[in-house]
Protein backbone atom coordinates (compact mmCIF):
# COMPACT_ATOMS: atom_id res chain seq x y z
CA MET A 1 -10.60 11.78 -26.70
CA VAL A 2 -6.93 10.95 -25.59
CA GLN A 3 -5.24 9.57 -28.13
CA ASN A 4 -1.24 10.27 -29.48
CA ILE A 5 -0.43 11.12 -26.32
CA ILE A 6 3.84 11.80 -26.37
CA LEU A 7 3.66 12.58 -22.45
CA LYS A 8 7.56 13.82 -21.65
CA ARG A 9 8.86 12.08 -18.52
CA ASP A 10 10.97 14.45 -15.77
CA GLU A 11 12.80 10.84 -15.57
CA ALA A 12 14.37 11.64 -19.19
CA GLU A 13 16.41 14.45 -17.82
CA GLU A 14 17.63 12.55 -14.69
CA ILE A 15 19.19 10.15 -17.10
CA LYS A 16 20.68 12.78 -19.32
CA LYS A 17 22.09 14.08 -16.00
CA LEU A 18 24.16 10.76 -15.29
CA ASN A 19 27.45 10.41 -17.26
CA GLY A 20 28.99 6.63 -18.42
CA TRP A 21 27.31 3.60 -18.92
CA LEU A 22 23.87 3.14 -17.01
CA ILE A 23 21.28 0.37 -16.77
CA ILE A 24 17.78 1.33 -16.68
CA TYR A 25 15.08 -1.24 -15.54
CA GLY A 26 11.39 -1.37 -14.48
CA ARG A 27 8.59 -3.74 -14.63
CA ARG A 28 7.24 -4.47 -18.42
CA LYS A 29 4.95 -2.13 -20.31
CA THR A 30 6.12 1.07 -17.68
CA GLY A 31 7.59 2.99 -20.52
CA LYS A 32 11.05 2.42 -21.34
CA THR A 33 11.30 1.75 -24.54
CA PHE A 34 8.99 5.04 -25.30
CA LEU A 35 10.85 7.16 -23.16
CA ILE A 36 14.31 6.01 -24.59
CA LYS A 37 13.40 6.19 -28.72
CA ASN A 38 11.85 9.58 -27.39
CA PHE A 39 13.39 11.62 -25.61
CA LEU A 40 17.24 10.17 -25.07
CA ASP A 41 20.46 11.09 -27.61
CA TYR A 42 21.73 7.94 -29.00
CA ASP A 43 23.78 7.16 -31.91
CA ALA A 44 22.62 3.43 -32.29
CA TYR A 45 19.52 1.41 -30.92
CA PHE A 46 19.98 -2.51 -30.66
CA LEU A 47 17.13 -4.45 -29.74
CA VAL A 48 17.22 -8.05 -28.23
CA ARG A 49 14.84 -10.64 -29.32
CA ARG A 50 13.83 -13.63 -27.69
CA ASP A 51 14.93 -15.88 -30.12
CA GLY A 52 18.12 -14.39 -30.11
CA LYS A 53 17.90 -12.26 -33.44
CA ILE A 54 19.08 -8.37 -32.65
CA LEU A 55 17.52 -5.82 -34.31
CA ALA A 56 19.52 -2.69 -35.19
CA GLU A 57 17.81 1.51 -35.57
CA LYS A 58 20.31 4.09 -37.30
CA THR A 59 23.27 1.79 -38.29
CA LEU A 60 23.58 -1.38 -40.52
CA PRO A 61 23.07 -3.75 -40.64
CA LYS A 62 19.43 -3.80 -39.38
CA GLU A 63 20.04 -7.52 -38.36
CA ILE A 64 22.17 -9.15 -36.86
CA ASN A 65 22.18 -12.95 -36.10
CA ASN A 66 25.86 -13.87 -34.81
CA ILE A 67 26.54 -12.58 -31.43
CA GLN A 68 30.35 -12.05 -32.48
CA ASP A 69 29.48 -9.59 -35.39
CA PHE A 70 27.45 -8.08 -32.96
CA LEU A 71 30.45 -7.39 -30.38
CA LYS A 72 32.28 -6.15 -32.88
CA LEU A 73 29.90 -3.45 -33.89
CA ILE A 74 29.47 -2.12 -30.16
CA SER A 75 33.52 -1.79 -30.02
CA ASP A 76 33.65 0.25 -33.03
CA LEU A 77 30.52 2.10 -31.81
CA LEU A 78 32.23 2.91 -28.41
CA ASN A 79 35.84 3.05 -30.27
CA GLU A 80 34.06 6.49 -31.07
CA ASN A 81 32.83 7.15 -28.54
CA LYS A 82 29.31 6.69 -29.74
CA THR A 83 26.05 6.27 -27.15
CA VAL A 84 24.60 3.04 -27.75
CA ILE A 85 21.22 1.80 -26.39
CA ILE A 86 20.90 -1.97 -26.21
CA ASP A 87 17.48 -2.93 -24.75
CA GLU A 88 15.38 -6.60 -23.33
CA PHE A 89 19.79 -6.73 -23.10
CA GLN A 90 19.12 -9.47 -20.58
CA ARG A 91 18.28 -11.93 -23.13
CA LEU A 92 21.81 -11.81 -24.41
CA PRO A 93 24.26 -14.53 -23.16
CA GLU A 94 26.16 -13.71 -20.07
CA PHE A 95 29.25 -14.17 -21.81
CA VAL A 96 29.07 -10.81 -23.78
CA PHE A 97 29.17 -8.84 -20.35
CA ASP A 98 32.75 -10.01 -19.99
CA GLU A 99 32.88 -8.67 -23.86
CA PHE A 100 31.72 -5.15 -22.55
CA SER A 101 33.47 -4.90 -19.82
CA ASN A 102 36.78 -4.64 -21.92
CA LEU A 103 35.74 -1.62 -23.44
CA HIS A 104 34.83 0.14 -21.03
CA PRO A 105 34.99 3.19 -20.17
CA LYS A 106 34.91 3.77 -23.91
CA GLY A 107 31.46 5.80 -25.28
CA LYS A 108 28.49 4.87 -23.55
CA ILE A 109 25.87 1.60 -23.18
CA ILE A 110 22.76 2.47 -21.84
CA PHE A 111 21.34 -0.73 -21.11
CA SER A 112 17.41 -1.49 -20.67
CA GLY A 113 15.68 -4.42 -19.14
CA SER A 114 13.09 -6.17 -17.47
CA SER A 115 15.06 -8.76 -15.34
CA PHE A 116 15.40 -8.68 -11.99
CA LYS A 117 17.48 -11.64 -11.77
CA ILE A 118 19.92 -10.57 -14.35
CA LEU A 119 20.57 -7.34 -12.13
CA LYS A 120 21.34 -9.06 -9.42
CA LYS A 121 23.66 -11.06 -11.63
CA ILE A 122 25.22 -7.83 -12.95
CA PHE A 123 25.85 -6.34 -9.64
CA SER A 124 27.05 -9.59 -7.81
CA ASN A 125 30.72 -9.62 -6.27
CA GLN A 126 31.90 -11.42 -9.26
CA SER A 127 30.19 -9.63 -12.37
CA PRO A 128 32.68 -8.28 -14.78
CA LEU A 129 30.33 -4.96 -15.21
CA LEU A 130 30.18 -4.16 -11.09
CA GLY A 131 31.14 -0.67 -10.43
CA MET A 132 31.08 0.31 -14.31
CA VAL A 133 27.53 0.96 -14.54
CA LEU A 134 25.18 2.93 -12.67
CA GLN A 135 21.19 1.72 -12.15
CA TYR A 136 17.75 3.80 -12.50
CA GLU A 137 14.95 2.10 -11.73
CA LEU A 138 11.89 3.33 -14.36
CA ASN A 139 8.21 3.38 -12.35
CA LEU A 140 4.97 4.52 -12.95
CA ILE A 141 4.87 7.65 -14.69
CA LYS A 142 5.23 10.68 -12.11
CA PRO A 143 1.98 11.92 -10.33
CA LYS A 144 2.82 15.61 -11.51
CA ASN A 145 3.75 14.07 -15.36
CA ILE A 146 0.27 13.01 -15.82
CA LEU A 147 -1.22 15.50 -14.95
CA ARG A 148 0.42 17.98 -16.95
CA GLU A 149 -0.32 16.05 -19.74
CA LEU A 150 -3.82 14.86 -19.03
CA SER A 151 -4.79 18.39 -18.84
CA LYS A 152 -3.76 19.02 -22.27
CA HIS A 153 -7.37 16.79 -22.76
CA LEU A 154 -9.63 16.07 -19.99
CA ASP A 155 -11.37 18.92 -17.70
CA SER A 156 -9.75 18.54 -13.80
CA VAL A 157 -11.48 16.80 -12.26
CA LYS A 158 -11.47 13.82 -15.07
CA THR A 159 -8.03 14.51 -15.27
CA ILE A 160 -7.52 13.59 -11.36
CA GLU A 161 -10.03 10.86 -11.84
CA PHE A 162 -8.50 9.37 -14.75
CA ALA A 163 -4.19 9.84 -13.73
CA SER A 164 -3.94 7.47 -11.43
CA TYR A 165 -4.66 4.34 -14.31
CA PHE A 166 -3.11 6.47 -16.56
CA ARG A 167 0.30 6.65 -14.73
CA ASP A 168 0.53 2.82 -16.10
CA PRO A 169 1.55 3.87 -19.76
CA TRP A 170 0.14 0.54 -21.82
CA THR A 171 -3.60 1.77 -20.86
CA LEU A 172 -2.95 5.53 -22.68
CA SER A 173 -4.09 4.08 -25.41
CA PHE A 174 -7.24 2.85 -24.75
CA PHE A 175 -9.18 5.54 -22.50
CA LYS A 176 -11.67 7.79 -24.49
CA GLY A 177 -11.59 10.25 -21.39
CA GLU A 178 -15.44 9.88 -21.23
CA GLU A 179 -17.36 9.02 -18.19
CA THR A 180 -15.16 7.83 -15.47
CA VAL A 181 -16.12 4.24 -13.96
CA LYS A 182 -17.77 3.90 -17.40
CA GLU A 183 -14.09 3.67 -19.07
CA LEU A 184 -12.54 1.95 -16.26
CA TYR A 185 -14.98 -1.07 -16.50
CA ASN A 186 -14.38 -1.18 -20.34
CA LEU A 187 -10.53 -1.64 -19.75
CA LEU A 188 -10.89 -3.93 -17.38
CA ASN A 189 -13.72 -6.20 -18.87
CA TYR A 190 -11.70 -6.16 -22.49
CA SER A 191 -8.54 -7.13 -20.78
CA LYS A 192 -9.04 -9.65 -18.85
CA LEU A 193 -6.14 -12.07 -20.75
CA THR A 194 -4.13 -8.97 -20.64
CA ILE A 195 -3.25 -8.12 -17.52
CA PRO A 196 -2.87 -11.33 -15.99
CA SER A 197 -0.29 -12.55 -19.07
CA LEU A 198 1.61 -8.49 -18.20
CA ILE A 199 2.19 -10.22 -14.67
CA GLY A 200 2.95 -13.65 -16.11
CA GLU A 201 5.93 -11.86 -18.07
CA ILE A 202 7.82 -10.67 -15.58
CA PHE A 203 7.65 -13.78 -14.80
CA ILE A 204 8.98 -15.47 -17.83
CA GLU A 205 11.47 -12.75 -17.93
CA GLU A 206 12.91 -14.09 -14.79
CA GLU A 207 12.76 -17.52 -16.05
CA ARG A 208 9.90 -19.23 -13.89
CA GLU A 209 6.14 -19.20 -13.92
CA LEU A 210 4.15 -17.15 -12.09
CA THR A 211 3.56 -19.77 -9.33
CA LYS A 212 -0.02 -20.22 -7.67
CA ILE A 213 2.06 -18.66 -4.19
CA TYR A 214 2.67 -15.44 -6.59
CA GLU A 215 -0.61 -14.85 -8.01
CA ALA A 216 -2.33 -15.95 -4.88
CA ILE A 217 -0.63 -12.87 -3.05
CA LEU A 218 -1.27 -10.67 -5.98
CA ARG A 219 -4.99 -11.79 -5.86
CA ILE A 220 -5.07 -11.54 -1.72
CA LEU A 221 -3.06 -7.55 -1.91
CA GLY A 222 -5.44 -6.25 -4.48
CA SER A 223 -9.05 -7.43 -2.89
CA GLY A 224 -8.04 -4.80 -0.66
CA GLU A 225 -6.01 -7.18 2.45
CA TRP A 226 -2.76 -5.43 3.82
CA ASN A 227 -1.41 -7.31 6.90
CA TYR A 228 0.90 -10.11 5.60
CA LYS A 229 0.13 -11.71 8.63
CA THR A 230 -3.43 -12.58 6.95
CA VAL A 231 -2.05 -13.04 3.78
CA ALA A 232 0.06 -16.19 5.46
CA ASP A 233 -3.71 -17.36 6.91
CA PHE A 234 -5.05 -17.57 3.82
CA LEU A 235 -2.26 -19.26 2.14
CA SER A 236 -1.85 -21.78 4.81
CA GLY A 237 -5.89 -22.00 4.60
CA ARG A 238 -5.69 -23.08 0.77
CA LYS A 239 -2.69 -25.65 1.47
CA LEU A 240 -0.32 -23.60 -0.63
CA ILE A 241 2.09 -23.05 2.35
CA GLU A 242 2.94 -24.89 4.97
CA ARG A 243 2.20 -23.12 8.19
CA SER A 244 0.27 -19.82 8.99
CA ASP A 245 3.87 -17.72 9.51
CA SER A 246 4.78 -14.35 7.95
CA SER A 247 8.13 -15.22 7.51
CA LEU A 248 7.37 -17.86 4.80
CA VAL A 249 5.34 -14.77 2.81
CA LEU A 250 7.58 -12.03 3.03
CA PRO A 251 10.37 -13.20 0.57
CA TYR A 252 7.80 -13.93 -1.80
CA ILE A 253 6.67 -9.85 -1.00
CA LYS A 254 9.62 -8.63 -1.47
CA ASN A 255 10.53 -9.86 -4.68
CA LEU A 256 7.07 -8.83 -6.07
CA GLN A 257 8.62 -5.76 -4.87
CA LYS A 258 11.54 -5.78 -6.54
CA MET A 259 9.45 -6.34 -9.62
CA SER A 260 7.81 -2.97 -8.98
CA LEU A 261 4.45 -4.97 -8.38
CA VAL A 262 4.19 -4.30 -4.70
CA GLU A 263 4.88 -1.68 -2.75
CA HIS A 264 4.37 -1.03 1.08
CA LEU A 265 3.75 1.98 3.31
CA ASP A 266 4.74 2.56 6.70
CA ILE A 267 2.04 2.57 9.36
CA TYR A 268 1.38 5.43 11.44
CA ASN A 269 2.86 5.39 15.25
CA SER A 270 3.36 1.71 14.19
CA LYS A 271 6.11 -0.67 13.23
CA LYS A 272 3.95 -2.43 10.89
CA LYS A 273 3.51 -1.95 7.10
CA MET A 274 1.35 -1.54 4.42
CA TYR A 275 1.47 -4.23 1.62
CA LYS A 276 -0.87 -3.33 -1.70
CA LEU A 277 -0.82 -3.57 -5.39
CA LYS A 278 1.09 -0.27 -7.08
CA SER A 279 -0.66 -0.37 -10.41
CA ALA A 280 -4.30 1.36 -9.39
CA ILE A 281 -5.60 -0.45 -12.51
CA MET A 282 -3.82 -4.46 -11.75
CA GLU A 283 -5.41 -3.49 -8.17
CA ALA A 284 -8.85 -2.49 -9.70
CA PHE A 285 -8.86 -5.43 -11.71
CA TYR A 286 -8.19 -8.14 -9.25
CA TYR A 287 -10.39 -6.56 -6.50
CA LEU A 288 -12.77 -7.30 -8.74
CA CYS A 289 -11.75 -10.39 -9.27
CA ASP A 290 -12.18 -11.11 -5.77
CA ARG A 291 -15.54 -9.19 -5.15
CA TYR A 292 -17.19 -11.10 -8.37
CA ASN A 293 -14.95 -13.50 -10.28
CA PHE A 294 -14.63 -10.68 -12.66
CA GLU A 295 -12.08 -13.09 -14.98
CA ASP A 296 -14.44 -16.01 -15.25
CA LYS A 297 -17.60 -14.53 -16.04
CA GLU A 298 -19.69 -12.14 -17.54
CA VAL A 299 -20.01 -8.87 -15.13
CA SER A 300 -22.73 -6.27 -16.19
CA PHE A 301 -21.55 -2.64 -15.75
CA SER A 302 -24.51 -2.06 -14.17
CA GLU A 303 -23.65 -4.57 -11.62
CA ALA A 304 -20.08 -3.60 -10.54
CA LEU A 305 -20.80 0.10 -10.85
CA PRO A 306 -21.58 0.37 -7.09
CA THR A 307 -17.93 -1.47 -6.87
CA LEU A 308 -16.93 0.58 -9.55
CA ASP A 309 -16.96 3.54 -7.56
CA LYS A 310 -15.71 3.01 -4.36
CA ILE A 311 -12.00 1.73 -6.66
CA LYS A 312 -12.21 4.91 -8.26
CA ASN A 313 -12.97 7.41 -4.91
CA PHE A 314 -10.01 5.19 -3.68
CA ALA A 315 -7.28 5.31 -6.57
CA VAL A 316 -8.07 9.77 -6.58
CA GLN A 317 -7.19 9.37 -2.51
CA ASN A 318 -4.19 6.94 -3.07
CA PHE A 319 -2.98 9.19 -5.97
CA VAL A 320 -3.44 12.91 -4.13
CA ALA A 321 -1.45 11.18 -1.93
CA ASP A 322 1.07 10.20 -4.26
CA PHE A 323 1.14 13.85 -5.63
CA PHE A 324 1.89 15.30 -2.18
CA ALA A 325 4.25 13.09 -1.59
CA GLU A 326 6.02 14.09 -4.50
CA HIS A 327 5.06 18.06 -4.25
CA LEU A 328 6.90 18.09 -0.54
CA ASN A 329 9.49 15.65 -1.46
CA GLY A 330 8.33 13.15 1.29
CA ARG A 331 6.52 9.95 1.50
CA LYS A 332 3.13 8.68 2.36
CA GLU A 333 2.17 6.90 5.38
CA TYR A 334 -1.02 5.05 6.41
CA SER A 335 -3.46 5.54 9.33
CA ILE A 336 -5.40 2.51 10.51
CA SER A 337 -6.61 4.09 13.83
CA SER A 338 -10.57 3.28 13.97
CA ASP A 339 -10.93 6.34 15.92
CA LYS A 340 -8.82 8.81 14.08
CA GLU A 341 -8.36 7.50 10.95
CA VAL A 342 -6.21 10.17 8.23
CA ASP A 343 -6.37 9.65 4.38
CA ILE A 344 -3.33 11.27 3.86
CA ILE A 345 0.43 11.12 6.20
CA ILE A 346 3.18 12.63 4.66
CA ASN A 347 6.34 11.77 6.01
CA SER A 348 9.87 13.20 5.55
CA ARG A 349 12.77 12.70 7.53
CA ASN A 350 10.76 11.11 10.36
CA LYS A 351 8.62 13.85 11.02
CA ILE A 352 4.85 14.53 9.76
CA VAL A 353 5.09 17.13 7.11
CA ALA A 354 1.43 17.40 6.13
CA ILE A 355 -1.56 15.82 6.54
CA GLY A 356 -4.55 15.51 4.28
CA GLU A 357 -7.82 14.31 3.38
CA VAL A 358 -9.88 13.74 0.20
CA LYS A 359 -13.77 14.05 0.05
CA TRP A 360 -14.33 13.13 -3.84
CA GLY A 361 -18.63 14.33 -3.31
CA LYS A 362 -19.89 16.62 -1.46
CA TYR A 363 -18.73 18.23 1.06
CA ASN A 364 -19.85 20.36 3.77
CA ILE A 365 -18.68 22.39 6.97
CA ASN A 366 -18.97 19.74 9.33
CA ASP A 367 -16.81 17.52 7.06
CA LEU A 368 -14.33 19.85 7.61
CA ASP A 369 -14.49 20.17 11.50
CA ASN A 370 -14.09 16.79 11.49
CA PHE A 371 -10.75 16.68 9.88
CA ILE A 372 -10.05 19.28 12.13
CA GLU A 373 -11.03 17.80 15.47
CA LYS A 374 -9.15 14.25 14.90
CA THR A 375 -6.10 16.02 13.92
CA LYS A 376 -5.65 18.92 16.02
CA SER A 377 -2.66 16.91 18.30
CA ILE A 378 -0.77 16.55 15.26
CA ASP A 379 1.26 19.77 14.20
CA CYS A 380 2.18 20.06 10.64
CA LYS A 381 0.53 21.46 7.05
CA LYS A 382 -2.93 20.37 6.48
CA PHE A 383 -4.84 19.94 3.46
CA PHE A 384 -8.38 18.89 2.28
CA VAL A 385 -8.92 18.46 -0.90
CA VAL A 386 -12.20 18.11 -3.04
CA LYS A 387 -13.13 18.22 -6.72
CA ASN A 388 -14.60 22.32 -6.88
CA LYS A 389 -13.94 23.89 -3.57
CA ASP A 390 -16.26 26.71 -2.69
CA ARG A 391 -12.65 28.92 -0.14
CA GLU A 392 -9.84 29.10 -0.17
CA ILE A 393 -8.84 28.17 3.48
CA TYR A 394 -10.67 27.61 6.59
CA LYS A 395 -9.58 27.37 10.18
CA GLY A 396 -6.20 27.06 8.87
CA ILE A 397 -6.80 24.27 6.61
CA ILE A 398 -5.97 24.33 3.19
CA ILE A 399 -8.55 23.69 0.78
CA TYR A 400 -7.43 22.69 -2.60
CA ASP A 401 -9.81 21.25 -5.41
CA ALA A 402 -9.20 19.44 -8.89
CA LYS A 403 -7.95 22.31 -10.43
CA ASN A 404 -5.33 23.80 -7.77
CA MET A 405 -3.37 19.84 -7.95
CA ILE A 406 -3.32 20.99 -12.04
CA ASP A 407 -1.89 24.44 -11.49
CA MET A 408 0.79 23.18 -9.52
CA SER A 409 1.63 20.26 -11.17
CA LYS A 410 2.99 22.87 -14.05
């Protein structure tokens, strides 16, 4: 059983090394509060609720309803050189940031929040806090961190298969660590309200509705369509934008990137970019919605099984790419060539440093020879990833299996 995981994240040590005041931001449910409370050192913690009430920990009073009382308490703590956490700080009235600026650089404030709109205001050229606060984005759990923890609870193959989904911290408490596709089906089937609501909550914090355009883009990208020009065609066809023009779509996609819902990958030997959902669990949900109208009707496990297998294998491939990009300090790219399709390309300083392929099923010598043939013109490290390997190397190709990746994460 995979329960009650206290997962230590490398980001905590990175944050501790930053001096001065700090903002930790990122989309909702990426574990900001959990990381702060379990791995950072602080003297007082404040949570700003939506109704304006402020709840306090490690200091008195435990509830604060008057903003002036709150500012007085913050001032006293900072004058004593204390470290103060203000969680969901974007819910505070904006005039308080002028008050905070008058206290800088006493003590240390760590702001935490999910609103990118307020970040723009804080770091605009008219902001009273400009130049006083560093910024740290907390995203999905890093591949190495999730492998280190999951390998304590699961065998090596299941660890790799679950890792992509567990990178979304909110999923951790719902998995039992049993059969991968069955667990994935159960989570998605019983989260039909949760996943759209998580996304909707991001837009609530931005003080705007989850418009039909944003929702349509998320669904289109989740269905596997990556080309923003094709996305424009879909939106135009549905009369959500006035014409099929990619320039009308890109601003929406850029906003979704800023909210950490969408990521882009450079396409090898092309100026184009591939856009995809950043979260594997959200991508799986919207893929099923597109394939089966999953959100609005009952779909049995047996009916969804072929698609779930496909989703799982693609998630493994994408996770392996993320893992090796992190391991090699590079960034992943995507190849769309029909004759030389490559699963994984890792680029560093505009140079390919590694190429890899994932075969998450049975593999043989022919698979390795085919990989060698289609990558023979590229001089770099080459690797092949399988569930369980029967050899260490083949004609210069390094073969990794699930156990190797877990060992590398440690």
